[in-house]
Amino acid sequence: MSGTFKFELVSPEKILMSGDAEQVMLPGVEGEMTILPGHSPVISVLRPGVIDIAMPGSKARIYVKSGFAEVEPDRVTVLAEKAIDMTEMDAGRIADELKVAEADLAEAKDDTARMLAERAAGLLKTMGAGKSA
């Protein structure tokens, strides 16, 4: 298994996903990051976006509202405030999440909170347009 590393997605309540991955793409606040086996250690804040996980024989896409990623050469751990499998993101779920993002934007008290809420709202609007097409 030299071509894989351990991947874990954790929410405040439980471990949402745990297994071997070949590649993970993360939405870091400073840009997208592709993680492969043997990656240098890094800790990054995540912005609203989609995590793409390539596992042996399958793929997964997970929407995260925000969180942190800890990368080690043989492990990636994502601590997500909220994580939703993209297969569960139907038009109704997207609309609900968009309302939350718009409320977060209206209540944003600083530039960082505003930027994250704007990113979430924009991404969810794009997802919604794709679901209604």
Protein backbone atom coordinates (compact mmCIF):
# COMPACT_ATOMS: atom_id res chain seq x y z
CA MET A 1 0.00 0.00 0.00
CA SER A 2 2.85 2.42 -0.70
CA GLY A 3 0.56 4.41 -3.00
CA THR A 4 -1.95 5.29 -0.30
CA PHE A 5 -2.21 7.13 3.00
CA LYS A 6 -4.73 7.15 5.83
CA PHE A 7 -7.55 9.69 5.39
CA GLU A 8 -9.96 10.69 8.13
CA LEU A 9 -12.80 13.19 8.01
CA VAL A 10 -13.98 14.15 11.48
CA SER A 11 -16.88 16.36 12.57
CA PRO A 12 -17.47 17.59 16.12
CA GLU A 13 -19.83 14.64 16.63
CA LYS A 14 -18.05 11.67 15.02
CA ILE A 15 -15.66 10.22 12.47
CA LEU A 16 -17.46 10.63 9.13
CA MET A 17 -14.97 8.83 6.91
CA SER A 18 -11.86 6.78 7.52
CA GLY A 19 -9.85 4.75 5.05
CA ASP A 20 -6.99 4.63 2.61
CA ALA A 21 -6.71 7.34 -0.04
CA GLU A 22 -4.50 7.72 -3.09
CA GLN A 23 -5.08 11.47 -3.45
CA VAL A 24 -7.06 14.20 -1.69
CA MET A 25 -7.80 17.69 -3.00
CA LEU A 26 -8.48 20.20 -0.23
CA PRO A 27 -9.99 23.72 -0.44
CA GLY A 28 -7.37 25.59 1.59
CA VAL A 29 -7.90 29.28 2.38
CA GLU A 30 -4.84 30.09 0.27
CA GLY A 31 -5.91 27.85 -2.63
CA GLU A 32 -6.56 24.26 -3.62
CA MET A 33 -4.07 21.67 -2.35
CA THR A 34 -3.52 18.23 -3.82
CA ILE A 35 -2.21 15.75 -1.27
CA LEU A 36 -0.38 12.60 -2.40
CA PRO A 37 1.40 9.91 -0.34
CA GLY A 38 4.57 11.28 1.24
CA HIS A 39 3.37 14.91 1.28
CA SER A 40 5.30 17.28 3.54
CA PRO A 41 3.64 18.05 6.87
CA VAL A 42 1.30 21.04 6.82
CA ILE A 43 -1.67 22.40 8.76
CA SER A 44 -4.17 24.48 6.83
CA VAL A 45 -7.43 26.27 7.45
CA LEU A 46 -10.12 25.14 5.01
CA ARG A 47 -12.54 27.49 3.29
CA PRO A 48 -15.99 26.44 2.11
CA GLY A 49 -15.52 24.04 -0.76
CA VAL A 50 -15.44 20.45 -1.91
CA ILE A 51 -12.93 17.84 -0.82
CA ASP A 52 -12.22 15.33 -3.60
CA ILE A 53 -11.00 11.98 -2.30
CA ALA A 54 -9.58 9.29 -4.61
CA MET A 55 -9.55 5.92 -2.89
CA PRO A 56 -8.54 2.56 -4.32
CA GLY A 57 -11.49 1.66 -6.56
CA SER A 58 -13.73 4.63 -5.69
CA LYS A 59 -14.03 8.39 -5.35
CA ALA A 60 -15.89 10.67 -2.96
CA ARG A 61 -16.77 14.36 -2.97
CA ILE A 62 -17.59 16.07 0.31
CA TYR A 63 -18.77 19.67 0.79
CA VAL A 64 -17.21 21.29 3.85
CA LYS A 65 -18.33 24.59 5.33
CA SER A 66 -14.99 25.18 7.04
CA GLY A 67 -12.41 23.38 9.08
CA PHE A 68 -8.76 22.44 9.37
CA ALA A 69 -6.57 19.88 7.66
CA GLU A 70 -3.51 18.27 9.19
CA VAL A 71 -1.26 16.61 6.62
CA GLU A 72 1.50 14.14 7.45
CA PRO A 73 3.44 12.00 4.95
CA ASP A 74 1.26 8.95 5.78
CA ARG A 75 -1.98 10.59 7.01
CA VAL A 76 -4.47 13.40 6.34
CA THR A 77 -6.98 14.38 8.99
CA VAL A 78 -9.73 16.89 8.21
CA LEU A 79 -11.62 18.45 11.10
CA ALA A 80 -14.76 19.92 9.54
CA GLU A 81 -17.38 22.13 11.15
CA LYS A 82 -19.92 20.70 8.71
CA ALA A 83 -19.43 18.05 6.03
CA ILE A 84 -22.02 16.80 3.54
CA ASP A 85 -21.53 14.07 0.95
CA MET A 86 -22.16 15.63 -2.46
CA THR A 87 -24.51 12.75 -3.34
CA GLU A 88 -26.82 14.13 -0.61
CA MET A 89 -26.76 17.69 -1.96
CA ASP A 90 -30.13 17.89 -3.71
CA ALA A 91 -31.82 21.21 -4.55
CA GLY A 92 -33.58 21.40 -1.17
CA ARG A 93 -30.42 20.75 0.84
CA ILE A 94 -28.51 23.29 -1.22
CA ALA A 95 -31.26 25.89 -0.63
CA ASP A 96 -31.14 25.23 3.13
CA GLU A 97 -27.34 25.56 3.23
CA LEU A 98 -27.54 28.74 1.11
CA LYS A 99 -29.91 30.31 3.65
CA VAL A 100 -27.40 29.55 6.42
CA ALA A 101 -24.53 31.01 4.36
CA GLU A 102 -26.52 34.17 3.63
CA ALA A 103 -27.37 34.54 7.34
CA ASP A 104 -23.66 34.06 8.18
CA LEU A 105 -22.83 36.79 5.64
CA ALA A 106 -25.36 39.19 7.15
CA GLU A 107 -23.91 38.57 10.63
CA ALA A 108 -20.22 38.66 9.61
CA LYS A 109 -18.27 40.91 11.95
CA ASP A 110 -14.89 40.91 10.19
CA ASP A 111 -13.34 40.51 6.76
CA THR A 112 -12.43 36.84 7.27
CA ALA A 113 -15.96 35.85 8.30
CA ARG A 114 -17.36 37.88 5.39
CA MET A 115 -14.98 36.23 2.90
CA LEU A 116 -15.82 32.71 4.12
CA ALA A 117 -19.57 33.37 4.05
CA GLU A 118 -19.34 34.90 0.56
CA ARG A 119 -17.35 31.88 -0.65
CA ALA A 120 -19.93 29.47 0.80
CA ALA A 121 -22.86 31.38 -0.69
CA GLY A 122 -21.21 31.62 -4.10
CA LEU A 123 -20.33 27.93 -4.18
CA LEU A 124 -23.82 26.90 -3.07
CA LYS A 125 -25.44 29.14 -5.71
CA THR A 126 -23.27 27.45 -8.35
CA MET A 127 -24.25 24.01 -7.03
CA GLY A 128 -27.91 25.02 -7.05
CA ALA A 129 -27.71 26.22 -10.64
CA GLY A 130 -26.18 22.87 -11.60
CA LYS A 131 -28.97 20.92 -9.84
CA SER A 132 -31.77 22.90 -11.48
CA ALA A 133 -30.30 22.65 -14.98
